[in-house]
C-alpha atoms as a PDB file:
ATOM      1  CA  MET A   1      76.512 -72.219 142.417  1.00  0.00           C
ATOM      2  CA  LYS A   2      77.338 -74.037 139.176  1.00  0.00           C
ATOM      3  CA  GLU A   3      73.679 -74.837 138.685  1.00  0.00           C
ATOM      4  CA  LEU A   4      72.707 -71.190 139.213  1.00  0.00           C
ATOM      5  CA  MET A   5      75.353 -70.037 136.742  1.00  0.00           C
ATOM      6  CA  ARG A   6      74.161 -72.560 134.168  1.00  0.00           C
ATOM      7  CA  VAL A   7      70.576 -71.367 134.555  1.00  0.00           C
ATOM      8  CA  PHE A   8      71.716 -67.739 134.327  1.00  0.00           C
ATOM      9  CA  LYS A   9      73.679 -68.253 131.100  1.00  0.00           C
ATOM     10  CA  ALA A  10      70.832 -70.221 129.571  1.00  0.00           C
ATOM     11  CA  GLY A  11      68.186 -67.607 130.349  1.00  0.00           C
ATOM     12  CA  ILE A  12      70.240 -64.639 129.193  1.00  0.00           C
ATOM     13  CA  TYR A  13      71.571 -65.920 125.873  1.00  0.00           C
ATOM     14  CA  LYS A  14      72.150 -69.659 125.380  1.00  0.00           C
ATOM     15  CA  ASP A  15      68.462 -70.602 125.748  1.00  0.00           C
ATOM     16  CA  ASN A  16      66.911 -67.132 125.606  1.00  0.00           C
ATOM     17  CA  PRO A  17      63.117 -67.435 125.268  1.00  0.00           C
ATOM     18  CA  VAL A  18      62.840 -64.841 122.486  1.00  0.00           C
ATOM     19  CA  PHE A  19      65.777 -65.117 120.105  1.00  0.00           C
ATOM     20  CA  ARG A  20      66.637 -68.772 120.854  1.00  0.00           C
ATOM     21  CA  GLN A  21      63.242 -70.406 121.438  1.00  0.00           C
ATOM     22  CA  ILE A  22      61.175 -67.766 119.568  1.00  0.00           C
ATOM     23  CA  LEU A  23      58.570 -67.629 122.351  1.00  0.00           C
ATOM     24  CA  GLY A  24      56.509 -64.710 123.610  1.00  0.00           C
ATOM     25  CA  ILE A  25      57.078 -62.625 120.491  1.00  0.00           C
ATOM     26  CA  CYS A  26      53.525 -61.217 120.353  1.00  0.00           C
ATOM     27  CA  SER A  27      54.113 -58.943 123.332  1.00  0.00           C
ATOM     28  CA  SER A  28      57.696 -58.391 122.134  1.00  0.00           C
ATOM     29  CA  LEU A  29      56.296 -56.791 119.020  1.00  0.00           C
ATOM     30  CA  ALA A  30      53.305 -55.078 120.609  1.00  0.00           C
ATOM     31  CA  VAL A  31      54.850 -53.044 123.429  1.00  0.00           C
ATOM     32  CA  THR A  32      58.333 -52.252 122.119  1.00  0.00           C
ATOM     33  CA  ASN A  33      57.573 -48.875 120.562  1.00  0.00           C
ATOM     34  CA  LEU A  34      58.495 -47.246 123.905  1.00  0.00           C
ATOM     35  CA  LEU A  35      61.205 -48.217 126.388  1.00  0.00           C
ATOM     36  CA  ILE A  36      59.081 -47.575 129.461  1.00  0.00           C
ATOM     37  CA  ASN A  37      56.325 -49.885 128.187  1.00  0.00           C
ATOM     38  CA  SER A  38      58.862 -52.603 127.449  1.00  0.00           C
ATOM     39  CA  PHE A  39      60.477 -52.210 130.862  1.00  0.00           C
ATOM     40  CA  VAL A  40      57.206 -52.502 132.769  1.00  0.00           C
ATOM     41  CA  MET A  41      56.058 -55.456 130.658  1.00  0.00           C
ATOM     42  CA  GLY A  42      59.403 -57.181 131.193  1.00  0.00           C
ATOM     43  CA  VAL A  43      59.394 -56.654 134.955  1.00  0.00           C
ATOM     44  CA  GLY A  44      55.805 -57.872 135.108  1.00  0.00           C
ATOM     45  CA  LEU A  45      56.668 -61.019 133.206  1.00  0.00           C
ATOM     46  CA  MET A  46      59.691 -61.627 135.453  1.00  0.00           C
ATOM     47  CA  PHE A  47      57.402 -61.435 138.488  1.00  0.00           C
ATOM     48  CA  VAL A  48      54.807 -63.792 137.014  1.00  0.00           C
ATOM     49  CA  THR A  49      57.313 -66.299 135.636  1.00  0.00           C
ATOM     50  CA  ALA A  50      59.400 -66.450 138.810  1.00  0.00           C
ATOM     51  CA  PHE A  51      56.528 -66.874 141.269  1.00  0.00           C
ATOM     52  CA  SER A  52      54.553 -69.169 138.970  1.00  0.00           C
ATOM     53  CA  SER A  53      57.549 -71.476 138.603  1.00  0.00           C
ATOM     54  CA  PHE A  54      58.119 -71.356 142.367  1.00  0.00           C
ATOM     55  CA  THR A  55      54.496 -72.258 143.118  1.00  0.00           C
ATOM     56  CA  VAL A  56      54.329 -74.989 140.474  1.00  0.00           C
ATOM     57  CA  SER A  57      57.503 -76.531 141.870  1.00  0.00           C
ATOM     58  CA  LEU A  58      56.188 -76.279 145.417  1.00  0.00           C
ATOM     59  CA  LEU A  59      53.021 -78.184 144.471  1.00  0.00           C
ATOM     60  CA  ARG A  60      54.560 -80.553 141.931  1.00  0.00           C
ATOM     61  CA  SER A  61      54.410 -83.637 144.166  1.00  0.00           C
ATOM     62  CA  THR A  62      50.781 -83.090 145.162  1.00  0.00           C
ATOM     63  CA  THR A  63      49.351 -82.065 141.767  1.00  0.00           C
ATOM     64  CA  PRO A  64      47.540 -84.922 139.964  1.00  0.00           C
ATOM     65  CA  LYS A  65      49.027 -85.508 136.523  1.00  0.00           C
ATOM     66  CA  HIS A  66      45.701 -85.417 134.679  1.00  0.00           C
ATOM     67  CA  ILE A  67      44.962 -81.824 135.825  1.00  0.00           C
ATOM     68  CA  ARG A  68      48.559 -80.559 135.894  1.00  0.00           C
ATOM     69  CA  MET A  69      48.140 -78.133 132.983  1.00  0.00           C
ATOM     70  CA  MET A  70      44.943 -76.681 134.433  1.00  0.00           C
ATOM     71  CA  VAL A  71      46.607 -76.147 137.806  1.00  0.00           C
ATOM     72  CA  GLN A  72      49.562 -74.421 136.143  1.00  0.00           C
ATOM     73  CA  THR A  73      47.224 -72.133 134.195  1.00  0.00           C
ATOM     74  CA  LEU A  74      45.324 -71.290 137.388  1.00  0.00           C
ATOM     75  CA  ILE A  75      48.553 -70.425 139.206  1.00  0.00           C
ATOM     76  CA  ILE A  76      49.778 -68.230 136.349  1.00  0.00           C
ATOM     77  CA  SER A  77      46.390 -66.507 136.121  1.00  0.00           C
ATOM     78  CA  ALA A  78      46.448 -65.682 139.841  1.00  0.00           C
ATOM     79  CA  TYR A  79      49.819 -63.919 139.569  1.00  0.00           C
ATOM     80  CA  VAL A  80      48.780 -62.067 136.413  1.00  0.00           C
ATOM     81  CA  ILE A  81      45.675 -60.801 138.217  1.00  0.00           C
ATOM     82  CA  ILE A  82      47.862 -59.602 141.109  1.00  0.00           C
ATOM     83  CA  LEU A  83      50.103 -57.763 138.628  1.00  0.00           C
ATOM     84  CA  ASP A  84      47.131 -56.233 136.819  1.00  0.00           C
ATOM     85  CA  ILE A  85      45.537 -55.003 140.062  1.00  0.00           C
ATOM     86  CA  PHE A  86      48.870 -53.554 141.211  1.00  0.00           C
ATOM     87  CA  LEU A  87      49.346 -51.595 137.980  1.00  0.00           C
ATOM     88  CA  LYS A  88      45.770 -50.308 137.995  1.00  0.00           C
ATOM     89  CA  ALA A  89      46.087 -49.217 141.634  1.00  0.00           C
ATOM     90  CA  TYR A  90      49.522 -47.586 141.577  1.00  0.00           C
ATOM     91  CA  PHE A  91      50.308 -46.933 137.894  1.00  0.00           C
ATOM     92  CA  PRO A  92      46.939 -46.361 136.169  1.00  0.00           C
ATOM     93  CA  SER A  93      48.460 -44.527 133.205  1.00  0.00           C
ATOM     94  CA  MET A  94      50.871 -47.371 132.552  1.00  0.00           C
ATOM     95  CA  SER A  95      48.069 -49.910 132.932  1.00  0.00           C
ATOM     96  CA  LYS A  96      46.068 -48.005 130.338  1.00  0.00           C
ATOM     97  CA  ALA A  97      49.068 -47.736 127.997  1.00  0.00           C
ATOM     98  CA  LEU A  98      49.731 -51.475 128.101  1.00  0.00           C
ATOM     99  CA  GLY A  99      46.047 -52.184 127.619  1.00  0.00           C
ATOM    100  CA  PRO A 100      45.135 -55.868 127.194  1.00  0.00           C
ATOM    101  CA  TYR A 101      48.734 -57.042 126.958  1.00  0.00           C
ATOM    102  CA  VAL A 102      49.080 -57.434 130.725  1.00  0.00           C
ATOM    103  CA  GLY A 103      46.190 -59.889 130.775  1.00  0.00           C
ATOM    104  CA  LEU A 104      47.660 -61.726 127.804  1.00  0.00           C
ATOM    105  CA  ILE A 105      50.696 -62.634 129.908  1.00  0.00           C
ATOM    106  CA  ILE A 106      48.560 -65.614 130.946  1.00  0.00           C
ATOM    107  CA  THR A 107      48.899 -67.018 127.437  1.00  0.00           C
ATOM    108  CA  ASN A 108      52.626 -66.302 127.142  1.00  0.00           C
ATOM    109  CA  CYS A 109      54.377 -69.513 126.095  1.00  0.00           C
ATOM    110  CA  ILE A 110      57.468 -68.637 128.136  1.00  0.00           C
ATOM    111  CA  ILE A 111      55.672 -68.979 131.473  1.00  0.00           C
ATOM    112  CA  MET A 112      53.852 -72.206 130.697  1.00  0.00           C
ATOM    113  CA  GLY A 113      56.982 -73.585 129.063  1.00  0.00           C
ATOM    114  CA  ARG A 114      59.169 -73.016 132.128  1.00  0.00           C
ATOM    115  CA  ALA A 115      56.466 -74.329 134.458  1.00  0.00           C
ATOM    116  CA  GLU A 116      56.140 -77.565 132.490  1.00  0.00           C
ATOM    117  CA  ALA A 117      59.743 -78.099 131.369  1.00  0.00           C
ATOM    118  CA  PHE A 118      61.624 -76.954 134.465  1.00  0.00           C
ATOM    119  CA  ALA A 119      59.559 -76.143 137.560  1.00  0.00           C
ATOM    120  CA  GLN A 120      57.591 -79.385 137.352  1.00  0.00           C
ATOM    121  CA  LYS A 121      60.853 -81.337 137.682  1.00  0.00           C
ATOM    122  CA  ASN A 122      63.030 -79.177 139.951  1.00  0.00           C
ATOM    123  CA  LYS A 123      63.049 -77.748 143.470  1.00  0.00           C
ATOM    124  CA  PRO A 124      61.327 -74.440 144.337  1.00  0.00           C
ATOM    125  CA  PHE A 125      64.383 -72.196 144.748  1.00  0.00           C
ATOM    126  CA  ILE A 126      66.093 -73.139 141.485  1.00  0.00           C
ATOM    127  CA  SER A 127      62.711 -72.995 139.732  1.00  0.00           C
ATOM    128  CA  PHE A 128      62.148 -69.460 141.039  1.00  0.00           C
ATOM    129  CA  PHE A 129      65.616 -68.460 139.826  1.00  0.00           C
ATOM    130  CA  ASP A 130      65.028 -70.073 136.434  1.00  0.00           C
ATOM    131  CA  GLY A 131      61.751 -68.181 135.997  1.00  0.00           C
ATOM    132  CA  LEU A 132      63.361 -64.920 137.070  1.00  0.00           C
ATOM    133  CA  ILE A 133      66.297 -65.278 134.672  1.00  0.00           C
ATOM    134  CA  MET A 134      64.137 -66.389 131.759  1.00  0.00           C
ATOM    135  CA  GLY A 135      62.034 -63.291 132.369  1.00  0.00           C
ATOM    136  CA  LEU A 136      65.181 -61.191 132.520  1.00  0.00           C
ATOM    137  CA  GLY A 137      66.411 -62.599 129.205  1.00  0.00           C
ATOM    138  CA  TYR A 138      63.034 -61.740 127.695  1.00  0.00           C
ATOM    139  CA  THR A 139      63.173 -58.228 129.160  1.00  0.00           C
ATOM    140  CA  ILE A 140      66.650 -57.546 127.781  1.00  0.00           C
ATOM    141  CA  VAL A 141      65.503 -58.404 124.260  1.00  0.00           C
ATOM    142  CA  LEU A 142      62.432 -56.186 124.649  1.00  0.00           C
ATOM    143  CA  LEU A 143      64.580 -53.277 125.800  1.00  0.00           C
ATOM    144  CA  VAL A 144      67.068 -53.688 122.954  1.00  0.00           C
ATOM    145  CA  ILE A 145      64.257 -53.627 120.391  1.00  0.00           C
ATOM    146  CA  ALA A 146      62.492 -50.735 122.136  1.00  0.00           C
ATOM    147  CA  PHE A 147      65.734 -48.723 122.359  1.00  0.00           C
ATOM    148  CA  PHE A 148      66.070 -48.525 118.588  1.00  0.00           C
ATOM    149  CA  ARG A 149      62.358 -48.237 117.881  1.00  0.00           C
ATOM    150  CA  GLU A 150      61.844 -45.311 120.257  1.00  0.00           C
ATOM    151  CA  LEU A 151      65.104 -43.616 119.304  1.00  0.00           C
ATOM    152  CA  LEU A 152      64.504 -43.811 115.567  1.00  0.00           C
ATOM    153  CA  GLY A 153      60.723 -43.482 115.708  1.00  0.00           C
ATOM    154  CA  PHE A 154      60.390 -40.653 118.232  1.00  0.00           C
ATOM    155  CA  GLY A 155      63.944 -39.361 118.710  1.00  0.00           C
ATOM    156  CA  SER A 156      63.631 -40.037 122.438  1.00  0.00           C
ATOM    157  CA  LEU A 157      64.648 -42.516 125.142  1.00  0.00           C
ATOM    158  CA  PHE A 158      62.306 -43.172 128.081  1.00  0.00           C
ATOM    159  CA  GLY A 159      60.301 -40.182 126.839  1.00  0.00           C
ATOM    160  CA  ILE A 160      63.254 -37.784 126.971  1.00  0.00           C
ATOM    161  CA  GLN A 161      64.109 -36.149 123.665  1.00  0.00           C
ATOM    162  CA  VAL A 162      67.732 -36.928 122.801  1.00  0.00           C
ATOM    163  CA  LEU A 163      67.910 -36.180 119.095  1.00  0.00           C
ATOM    164  CA  GLY A 164      67.891 -32.632 117.777  1.00  0.00           C
ATOM    165  CA  GLU A 165      64.951 -30.800 116.285  1.00  0.00           C
ATOM    166  CA  ASN A 166      66.277 -31.501 112.792  1.00  0.00           C
ATOM    167  CA  TRP A 167      65.835 -35.238 113.317  1.00  0.00           C
ATOM    168  CA  VAL A 168      63.182 -36.750 111.052  1.00  0.00           C
ATOM    169  CA  ASN A 169      61.284 -39.543 112.828  1.00  0.00           C
ATOM    170  CA  TRP A 170      61.216 -42.923 111.124  1.00  0.00           C
ATOM    171  CA  THR A 171      57.500 -43.646 110.970  1.00  0.00           C
ATOM    172  CA  LEU A 172      58.237 -47.277 110.115  1.00  0.00           C
ATOM    173  CA  MET A 173      59.815 -47.819 113.538  1.00  0.00           C
ATOM    174  CA  ILE A 174      56.633 -47.038 115.446  1.00  0.00           C
ATOM    175  CA  MET A 175      54.500 -49.239 113.200  1.00  0.00           C
ATOM    176  CA  PRO A 176      54.143 -53.045 113.512  1.00  0.00           C
ATOM    177  CA  PRO A 177      56.506 -53.721 110.566  1.00  0.00           C
ATOM    178  CA  GLY A 178      59.243 -51.891 112.476  1.00  0.00           C
ATOM    179  CA  ALA A 179      58.906 -54.372 115.325  1.00  0.00           C
ATOM    180  CA  PHE A 180      59.222 -57.353 112.961  1.00  0.00           C
ATOM    181  CA  PHE A 181      62.212 -55.695 111.328  1.00  0.00           C
ATOM    182  CA  MET A 182      64.029 -55.100 114.616  1.00  0.00           C
ATOM    183  CA  LEU A 183      63.226 -58.559 116.000  1.00  0.00           C
ATOM    184  CA  GLY A 184      64.649 -60.117 112.847  1.00  0.00           C
ATOM    185  CA  ILE A 185      67.853 -58.106 113.216  1.00  0.00           C
ATOM    186  CA  VAL A 186      68.197 -59.119 116.885  1.00  0.00           C
ATOM    187  CA  ILE A 187      67.767 -62.816 116.048  1.00  0.00           C
ATOM    188  CA  TRP A 188      70.218 -62.558 113.137  1.00  0.00           C
ATOM    189  CA  ALA A 189      72.812 -60.711 115.232  1.00  0.00           C
ATOM    190  CA  THR A 190      72.453 -63.167 118.101  1.00  0.00           C
ATOM    191  CA  TYR A 191      73.014 -66.186 115.915  1.00  0.00           C
ATOM    192  CA  GLY A 192      76.082 -64.437 114.540  1.00  0.00           C
ATOM    193  CA  LEU A 193      77.486 -63.772 118.028  1.00  0.00           C
ATOM    194  CA  PHE A 194      76.578 -67.187 119.442  1.00  0.00           C
ATOM    195  CA  PRO A 195      77.005 -69.949 116.839  1.00  0.00           C
ATOM    196  CA  LYS A 196      74.335 -72.632 116.829  1.00  0.00           C
ATOM    197  CA  GLU A 197      76.721 -75.303 118.051  1.00  0.00           C
ATOM    198  CA  GLU A 198      77.549 -73.235 121.127  1.00  0.00           C
ATOM    199  CA  GLN A 199      73.884 -72.536 121.819  1.00  0.00           C
ATOM    200  CA  ASP A 200      72.908 -76.182 121.541  1.00  0.00           C
ATOM    201  CA  LYS A 201      75.453 -77.047 124.250  1.00  0.00           C
ATOM    202  CA  GLY A 202      74.089 -74.473 126.652  1.00  0.00           C
ATOM    203  CA  GLY A 203      70.388 -75.239 126.958  1.00  0.00           C
ATOM    204  CA  VAL A 204      69.044 -75.915 130.437  1.00  0.00           C
ATOM    205  CA  LYS A 205      68.253 -79.543 130.961  1.00  0.00           C
ATOM    206  CA  ALA A 206      64.935 -80.183 132.631  1.00  0.00           C
END
């Protein structure tokens, strides 16, 4: 239980992949103009990270060291393909909205990082949990950024108009600079809430 709690705290804030490790920010910036896009991308990454870490851990003792990275990439690719097919089959409009960013999950540093740093050295269950929580930490950051970008840029949340007709949309928020702006604020606020000394004590040890 202590190990699970340590992994949970690390993935959510102490070793968060976005604002602590600054990983996976390309998709963080690309899909955060709408909450629904960010939610689906986050859930998809949670699925891929969790099952990739589980599979890597399961095969860690039988995978030759000289092809370890290639095997990890193959495993990640397989789960991304499953996710892509699922979205195209059951949520075609969402698949179209996310465009190439689903496929680019393969190159997300968070997944490969957890596979190499954690799953390769730990048992399957805790590796699955680590991948799931790291994905959750990533998703939370995406949703926080998307909340303000959609609210200020469109006056809506999850596509539902919440601000009055007199609201003037902030065009900057739906443009790429708005994503950089919001990500910078999130990182700044996080380092203010969790001092660096506290964060350095909380990282997950491989």
